[in-house]
Amino acid sequence: ASVPEEYLQSTAGQATAHAPPPPPPGPPTAVVRMRGLPYTCSIEDVVAFFRGFDIIENGVLFGSDRIGRASGEAWVTFTSPDQAERAVATLNKRHIGNRYIDLLLAHR
């Protein structure tokens, strides 16, 4: 794949590619990204963390690195964008075990 000319910059006679700027965020979705999870975190731990909020069935997906180890991230799908927004506003920086958890709304 070629890099658009506007993203090439000359450095001492060598061209280097720069990624294009990210697109502006689209409308919020019902998905929340969790960062900072303990590597031993389970689905039950995530569901307990979000007690009082409505997660869809099979709505917790854990991230893993390229060899399959836990990455400390998860994506949680709620029943509505409003549920996701309220969860982030209420629970961001709360702890699971001794780790604080960053919560971010996913955008399209």
C-alpha atoms as a PDB file:
ATOM      1  CA  ALA A   1       0.000   0.000   0.000  1.00  0.00           C
ATOM      2  CA  SER A   2       1.323   3.416  -0.835  1.00  0.00           C
ATOM      3  CA  VAL A   3       1.449   6.332   1.571  1.00  0.00           C
ATOM      4  CA  PRO A   4      -0.242   9.540   0.399  1.00  0.00           C
ATOM      5  CA  GLU A   5       2.293  12.200  -0.564  1.00  0.00           C
ATOM      6  CA  GLU A   6       1.052  14.648   2.096  1.00  0.00           C
ATOM      7  CA  TYR A   7       2.161  12.202   4.820  1.00  0.00           C
ATOM      8  CA  LEU A   8       5.728  11.847   3.568  1.00  0.00           C
ATOM      9  CA  GLN A   9       8.405  13.999   5.120  1.00  0.00           C
ATOM     10  CA  SER A  10      12.016  14.204   4.037  1.00  0.00           C
ATOM     11  CA  THR A  11      14.581  13.582   6.778  1.00  0.00           C
ATOM     12  CA  ALA A  12      18.225  13.939   5.684  1.00  0.00           C
ATOM     13  CA  GLY A  13      17.334  12.789   2.198  1.00  0.00           C
ATOM     14  CA  GLN A  14      15.198   9.853   3.383  1.00  0.00           C
ATOM     15  CA  ALA A  15      11.426   9.828   3.122  1.00  0.00           C
ATOM     16  CA  THR A  16       9.588   8.777   6.267  1.00  0.00           C
ATOM     17  CA  ALA A  17       5.898   7.987   6.461  1.00  0.00           C
ATOM     18  CA  HIS A  18       3.603   9.580   9.018  1.00  0.00           C
ATOM     19  CA  ALA A  19       0.192   8.214   9.792  1.00  0.00           C
ATOM     20  CA  PRO A  20      -2.714  10.392   8.728  1.00  0.00           C
ATOM     21  CA  PRO A  21      -4.545  12.125  11.565  1.00  0.00           C
ATOM     22  CA  PRO A  22      -7.288  10.007  13.111  1.00  0.00           C
ATOM     23  CA  PRO A  23     -10.815  10.741  11.957  1.00  0.00           C
ATOM     24  CA  PRO A  24     -12.976  12.739  14.358  1.00  0.00           C
ATOM     25  CA  PRO A  25     -14.935  10.520  16.736  1.00  0.00           C
ATOM     26  CA  GLY A  26     -18.330   9.463  15.502  1.00  0.00           C
ATOM     27  CA  PRO A  27     -21.413   9.045  17.624  1.00  0.00           C
ATOM     28  CA  PRO A  28     -20.952   7.142  20.871  1.00  0.00           C
ATOM     29  CA  THR A  29     -21.707   3.459  20.918  1.00  0.00           C
ATOM     30  CA  ALA A  30     -22.819   1.225  23.759  1.00  0.00           C
ATOM     31  CA  VAL A  31     -19.242  -0.092  24.108  1.00  0.00           C
ATOM     32  CA  VAL A  32     -16.828   0.833  26.893  1.00  0.00           C
ATOM     33  CA  ARG A  33     -13.118   0.072  26.706  1.00  0.00           C
ATOM     34  CA  MET A  34     -11.516  -0.924  30.013  1.00  0.00           C
ATOM     35  CA  ARG A  35      -7.766  -0.458  30.511  1.00  0.00           C
ATOM     36  CA  GLY A  36      -5.598  -1.465  33.448  1.00  0.00           C
ATOM     37  CA  LEU A  37      -7.334  -4.726  34.303  1.00  0.00           C
ATOM     38  CA  PRO A  38      -5.485  -7.279  36.408  1.00  0.00           C
ATOM     39  CA  TYR A  39      -4.234 -10.024  34.101  1.00  0.00           C
ATOM     40  CA  THR A  40      -6.247 -12.541  36.126  1.00  0.00           C
ATOM     41  CA  CYS A  41      -9.521 -10.599  35.721  1.00  0.00           C
ATOM     42  CA  SER A  42     -12.550 -12.749  34.866  1.00  0.00           C
ATOM     43  CA  ILE A  43     -15.887 -12.070  33.224  1.00  0.00           C
ATOM     44  CA  GLU A  44     -17.464 -12.345  36.674  1.00  0.00           C
ATOM     45  CA  ASP A  45     -15.098  -9.615  37.965  1.00  0.00           C
ATOM     46  CA  VAL A  46     -16.121  -7.301  35.113  1.00  0.00           C
ATOM     47  CA  VAL A  47     -19.838  -7.990  35.610  1.00  0.00           C
ATOM     48  CA  ALA A  48     -19.458  -7.311  39.352  1.00  0.00           C
ATOM     49  CA  PHE A  49     -17.583  -4.048  38.593  1.00  0.00           C
ATOM     50  CA  PHE A  50     -20.532  -2.879  36.474  1.00  0.00           C
ATOM     51  CA  ARG A  51     -23.213  -4.082  38.929  1.00  0.00           C
ATOM     52  CA  GLY A  52     -26.324  -1.942  38.445  1.00  0.00           C
ATOM     53  CA  PHE A  53     -25.660  -1.413  34.717  1.00  0.00           C
ATOM     54  CA  ASP A  54     -27.096  -3.477  31.882  1.00  0.00           C
ATOM     55  CA  ILE A  55     -24.534  -5.483  29.878  1.00  0.00           C
ATOM     56  CA  ILE A  56     -25.760  -7.478  26.885  1.00  0.00           C
ATOM     57  CA  GLU A  57     -25.432 -11.261  26.943  1.00  0.00           C
ATOM     58  CA  ASN A  58     -21.868 -12.287  25.999  1.00  0.00           C
ATOM     59  CA  GLY A  59     -21.002  -8.583  26.108  1.00  0.00           C
ATOM     60  CA  VAL A  60     -17.513  -8.841  27.660  1.00  0.00           C
ATOM     61  CA  LEU A  61     -14.530  -9.309  25.355  1.00  0.00           C
ATOM     62  CA  PHE A  62     -10.993  -9.477  26.762  1.00  0.00           C
ATOM     63  CA  GLY A  63      -7.968  -8.310  24.820  1.00  0.00           C
ATOM     64  CA  SER A  64      -4.869 -10.436  24.373  1.00  0.00           C
ATOM     65  CA  ASP A  65      -1.384  -9.951  23.015  1.00  0.00           C
ATOM     66  CA  ARG A  66      -0.081 -11.684  19.901  1.00  0.00           C
ATOM     67  CA  ILE A  67       0.713 -14.888  21.803  1.00  0.00           C
ATOM     68  CA  GLY A  68      -2.607 -15.042  23.613  1.00  0.00           C
ATOM     69  CA  ARG A  69      -1.754 -13.566  27.008  1.00  0.00           C
ATOM     70  CA  ALA A  70      -4.165 -11.145  28.687  1.00  0.00           C
ATOM     71  CA  SER A  71      -3.484  -7.542  27.679  1.00  0.00           C
ATOM     72  CA  GLY A  72      -5.220  -5.884  30.627  1.00  0.00           C
ATOM     73  CA  GLU A  73      -7.959  -4.530  28.354  1.00  0.00           C
ATOM     74  CA  ALA A  74     -11.576  -5.462  27.781  1.00  0.00           C
ATOM     75  CA  TRP A  75     -14.508  -4.161  25.768  1.00  0.00           C
ATOM     76  CA  VAL A  76     -17.932  -4.247  27.394  1.00  0.00           C
ATOM     77  CA  THR A  77     -21.158  -3.796  25.426  1.00  0.00           C
ATOM     78  CA  PHE A  78     -24.099  -2.287  27.283  1.00  0.00           C
ATOM     79  CA  THR A  79     -27.747  -2.301  26.274  1.00  0.00           C
ATOM     80  CA  SER A  80     -27.610   1.380  25.228  1.00  0.00           C
ATOM     81  CA  PRO A  81     -25.158   4.271  24.741  1.00  0.00           C
ATOM     82  CA  ASP A  82     -26.780   5.938  27.765  1.00  0.00           C
ATOM     83  CA  GLN A  83     -25.886   2.937  29.960  1.00  0.00           C
ATOM     84  CA  ALA A  84     -22.290   3.073  28.675  1.00  0.00           C
ATOM     85  CA  GLU A  85     -21.998   6.824  29.290  1.00  0.00           C
ATOM     86  CA  ARG A  86     -23.395   6.512  32.830  1.00  0.00           C
ATOM     87  CA  ALA A  87     -21.030   3.622  33.604  1.00  0.00           C
ATOM     88  CA  VAL A  88     -18.005   5.667  32.519  1.00  0.00           C
ATOM     89  CA  ALA A  89     -19.166   8.759  34.441  1.00  0.00           C
ATOM     90  CA  THR A  90     -19.800   6.715  37.580  1.00  0.00           C
ATOM     91  CA  LEU A  91     -16.993   4.140  37.604  1.00  0.00           C
ATOM     92  CA  ASN A  92     -13.955   5.608  35.793  1.00  0.00           C
ATOM     93  CA  LYS A  93     -10.798   5.237  37.952  1.00  0.00           C
ATOM     94  CA  ARG A  94     -12.505   2.826  40.376  1.00  0.00           C
ATOM     95  CA  HIS A  95     -10.534  -0.254  41.374  1.00  0.00           C
ATOM     96  CA  ILE A  96     -10.618  -3.952  40.634  1.00  0.00           C
ATOM     97  CA  GLY A  97      -8.314  -5.451  43.225  1.00  0.00           C
ATOM     98  CA  ASN A  98      -5.463  -2.997  43.718  1.00  0.00           C
ATOM     99  CA  ARG A  99      -5.593  -1.603  40.155  1.00  0.00           C
ATOM    100  CA  TYR A 100      -7.532   1.453  39.075  1.00  0.00           C
ATOM    101  CA  ILE A 101      -9.431   0.992  35.837  1.00  0.00           C
ATOM    102  CA  ASP A 102      -9.585   3.519  32.993  1.00  0.00           C
ATOM    103  CA  LEU A 103     -12.938   3.537  31.217  1.00  0.00           C
ATOM    104  CA  LEU A 104     -13.328   5.063  27.764  1.00  0.00           C
ATOM    105  CA  LEU A 105     -16.378   5.310  25.537  1.00  0.00           C
ATOM    106  CA  ALA A 106     -15.884   3.648  22.177  1.00  0.00           C
ATOM    107  CA  HIS A 107     -16.871   5.663  19.095  1.00  0.00           C
ATOM    108  CA  ARG A 108     -17.754   4.563  15.583  1.00  0.00           C
END
